C-alpha atoms as a PDB file:
ATOM      1  CA  MET A   1     163.825  77.424  71.510  1.00  0.00           C
ATOM      2  CA  LYS A   2     167.332  76.921  73.652  1.00  0.00           C
ATOM      3  CA  ALA A   3     167.785  74.075  75.638  1.00  0.00           C
ATOM      4  CA  GLU A   4     167.853  75.791  78.821  1.00  0.00           C
ATOM      5  CA  GLU A   5     164.375  78.147  78.400  1.00  0.00           C
ATOM      6  CA  VAL A   6     161.760  77.487  80.807  1.00  0.00           C
ATOM      7  CA  ARG A   7     158.168  77.701  78.740  1.00  0.00           C
ATOM      8  CA  TYR A   8     155.834  78.487  81.543  1.00  0.00           C
ATOM      9  CA  MET A   9     151.959  77.472  80.442  1.00  0.00           C
ATOM     10  CA  TRP A  10     148.516  77.975  82.469  1.00  0.00           C
ATOM     11  CA  LEU A  11     146.382  75.304  82.715  1.00  0.00           C
ATOM     12  CA  PHE A  12     142.931  76.281  83.033  1.00  0.00           C
ATOM     13  CA  VAL A  13     140.153  74.498  84.685  1.00  0.00           C
ATOM     14  CA  PHE A  14     136.664  75.303  83.746  1.00  0.00           C
ATOM     15  CA  PHE A  15     133.546  73.552  85.020  1.00  0.00           C
ATOM     16  CA  ASP A  16     129.794  73.159  85.396  1.00  0.00           C
ATOM     17  CA  LEU A  17     128.689  70.891  88.274  1.00  0.00           C
ATOM     18  CA  PRO A  18     125.691  70.295  89.385  1.00  0.00           C
ATOM     19  CA  VAL A  19     124.959  70.765  92.801  1.00  0.00           C
ATOM     20  CA  GLY A  20     120.972  70.061  93.066  1.00  0.00           C
ATOM     21  CA  THR A  21     121.507  67.136  95.821  1.00  0.00           C
ATOM     22  CA  LYS A  22     123.898  67.371  99.208  1.00  0.00           C
ATOM     23  CA  THR A  23     125.812  64.421  97.203  1.00  0.00           C
ATOM     24  CA  GLU A  24     126.079  66.365  93.974  1.00  0.00           C
ATOM     25  CA  ARG A  25     127.150  69.739  96.278  1.00  0.00           C
ATOM     26  CA  ARG A  26     129.889  67.494  98.250  1.00  0.00           C
ATOM     27  CA  ASN A  27     131.052  66.411  94.532  1.00  0.00           C
ATOM     28  CA  ALA A  28     131.138  70.050  93.616  1.00  0.00           C
ATOM     29  CA  THR A  29     133.366  70.731  96.853  1.00  0.00           C
ATOM     30  CA  ARG A  30     135.844  68.039  97.000  1.00  0.00           C
ATOM     31  CA  PHE A  31     137.198  68.634  93.083  1.00  0.00           C
ATOM     32  CA  ARG A  32     136.887  72.391  93.922  1.00  0.00           C
ATOM     33  CA  LYS A  33     139.086  71.574  96.907  1.00  0.00           C
ATOM     34  CA  PHE A  34     141.289  69.227  94.708  1.00  0.00           C
ATOM     35  CA  LEU A  35     141.976  71.682  92.329  1.00  0.00           C
ATOM     36  CA  LYS A  36     143.195  74.768  95.242  1.00  0.00           C
ATOM     37  CA  ASP A  37     145.152  71.826  96.803  1.00  0.00           C
ATOM     38  CA  ASP A  38     146.808  71.370  93.434  1.00  0.00           C
ATOM     39  CA  GLY A  39     147.708  74.647  93.159  1.00  0.00           C
ATOM     40  CA  PHE A  40     144.874  76.080  91.342  1.00  0.00           C
ATOM     41  CA  ILE A  41     143.740  79.557  91.694  1.00  0.00           C
ATOM     42  CA  MET A  42     140.224  80.599  91.520  1.00  0.00           C
ATOM     43  CA  LEU A  43     139.708  83.258  88.868  1.00  0.00           C
ATOM     44  CA  GLN A  44     136.154  83.120  88.853  1.00  0.00           C
ATOM     45  CA  LEU A  45     133.822  80.612  90.451  1.00  0.00           C
ATOM     46  CA  SER A  46     133.836  77.989  87.882  1.00  0.00           C
ATOM     47  CA  VAL A  47     137.203  79.142  87.021  1.00  0.00           C
ATOM     48  CA  TYR A  48     140.533  77.863  87.742  1.00  0.00           C
ATOM     49  CA  ALA A  49     144.314  78.527  86.867  1.00  0.00           C
ATOM     50  CA  ARG A  50     147.527  77.222  87.673  1.00  0.00           C
ATOM     51  CA  ILE A  51     150.819  78.343  86.422  1.00  0.00           C
ATOM     52  CA  ILE A  52     152.674  75.076  85.386  1.00  0.00           C
ATOM     53  CA  ARG A  53     156.376  74.958  84.208  1.00  0.00           C
ATOM     54  CA  GLY A  54     156.565  73.096  80.839  1.00  0.00           C
ATOM     55  CA  GLU A  55     153.942  70.933  78.937  1.00  0.00           C
ATOM     56  CA  GLU A  56     155.186  67.767  80.164  1.00  0.00           C
ATOM     57  CA  ALA A  57     153.960  68.944  84.033  1.00  0.00           C
ATOM     58  CA  VAL A  58     150.655  70.469  81.916  1.00  0.00           C
ATOM     59  CA  ASP A  59     150.104  66.124  81.091  1.00  0.00           C
ATOM     60  CA  LYS A  60     150.701  65.348  84.848  1.00  0.00           C
ATOM     61  CA  HIS A  61     148.443  67.848  86.260  1.00  0.00           C
ATOM     62  CA  LEU A  62     145.772  67.559  83.628  1.00  0.00           C
ATOM     63  CA  ALA A  63     145.797  63.131  84.330  1.00  0.00           C
ATOM     64  CA  ARG A  64     145.463  64.734  87.995  1.00  0.00           C
ATOM     65  CA  VAL A  65     142.119  66.488  87.418  1.00  0.00           C
ATOM     66  CA  MET A  66     141.016  63.805  85.459  1.00  0.00           C
ATOM     67  CA  LYS A  67     141.120  61.407  88.185  1.00  0.00           C
ATOM     68  CA  SER A  68     139.556  64.316  89.949  1.00  0.00           C
ATOM     69  CA  ILE A  69     136.798  65.121  88.162  1.00  0.00           C
ATOM     70  CA  PRO A  70     132.978  64.004  89.284  1.00  0.00           C
ATOM     71  CA  THR A  71     131.006  61.702  87.387  1.00  0.00           C
ATOM     72  CA  LYS A  72     128.400  64.613  86.613  1.00  0.00           C
ATOM     73  CA  GLY A  73     128.690  67.576  85.019  1.00  0.00           C
ATOM     74  CA  SER A  74     130.413  69.748  82.342  1.00  0.00           C
ATOM     75  CA  VAL A  75     134.299  70.494  82.848  1.00  0.00           C
ATOM     76  CA  ARG A  76     136.873  71.494  80.244  1.00  0.00           C
ATOM     77  CA  THR A  77     140.741  72.383  80.587  1.00  0.00           C
ATOM     78  CA  LEU A  78     143.111  74.988  78.278  1.00  0.00           C
ATOM     79  CA  SER A  79     146.365  75.140  78.773  1.00  0.00           C
ATOM     80  CA  VAL A  80     148.015  78.479  76.934  1.00  0.00           C
ATOM     81  CA  THR A  81     151.309  79.711  77.224  1.00  0.00           C
ATOM     82  CA  GLU A  82     152.682  82.771  79.489  1.00  0.00           C
ATOM     83  CA  ARG A  83     152.827  85.327  76.381  1.00  0.00           C
ATOM     84  CA  GLN A  84     149.117  84.298  75.601  1.00  0.00           C
ATOM     85  CA  TYR A  85     147.819  84.389  79.239  1.00  0.00           C
ATOM     86  CA  ALA A  86     149.561  88.288  79.628  1.00  0.00           C
ATOM     87  CA  ARG A  87     147.101  88.717  76.422  1.00  0.00           C
ATOM     88  CA  MET A  88     144.099  88.359  79.049  1.00  0.00           C
ATOM     89  CA  ARG A  89     142.271  91.770  79.587  1.00  0.00           C
ATOM     90  CA  LEU A  90     140.066  92.039  82.594  1.00  0.00           C
ATOM     91  CA  LEU A  91     136.706  94.126  81.357  1.00  0.00           C
ATOM     92  CA  ILE A  92     135.650  94.594  84.928  1.00  0.00           C
ATOM     93  CA  GLY A  93     136.277  94.247  88.250  1.00  0.00           C
ATOM     94  CA  GLU A  94     139.660  93.566  89.947  1.00  0.00           C
ATOM     95  CA  SER A  95     142.602  90.637  89.747  1.00  0.00           C
ATOM     96  CA  THR A  96     142.095  88.651  92.780  1.00  0.00           C
ATOM     97  CA  LYS A  97     145.359  89.034  95.456  1.00  0.00           C
ATOM     98  CA  THR A  98     145.739  85.200  94.399  1.00  0.00           C
ATOM     99  CA  GLU A  99     146.236  85.927  90.962  1.00  0.00           C
ATOM    100  CA  LYS A 100     148.554  88.780  91.202  1.00  0.00           C
ATOM    101  CA  ALA A 101     150.597  86.961  93.514  1.00  0.00           C
ATOM    102  CA  ALA A 102     151.176  84.396  91.045  1.00  0.00           C
ATOM    103  CA  ALA A 103     151.849  86.640  88.509  1.00  0.00           C
ATOM    104  CA  GLN A 104     154.607  88.346  90.202  1.00  0.00           C
ATOM    105  CA  GLN A 105     155.989  84.851  91.652  1.00  0.00           C
ATOM    106  CA  LEU A 106     156.214  84.482  87.783  1.00  0.00           C
ATOM    107  CA  VAL A 107     158.355  87.919  86.965  1.00  0.00           C
ATOM    108  CA  LEU A 108     160.612  86.637  89.904  1.00  0.00           C
ATOM    109  CA  LEU A 109     161.446  83.329  87.856  1.00  0.00           C
END
């Protein structure tokens, strides 16, 4: 890869958080709000993704996610290249406006 080439990555966060008590609901809401504030878009109810420039930035955002996770539940992450992300197929439903805008922004970069 040439030094001037930029590698765009997508960082996915998948989670299943308990919401049985008021405190658990509040923690889940805070985590979702953190993700949105950090530039993640909601692909599905518990699947968020963010486009990131370079692997160092992936590590930075991953560290932010790790600091914000609730104490209970399951949280997973996955980073993929833009090329791998482009191979994802939407089998039913439509892309969200936010998802379309993020993809269009990448094309403009």
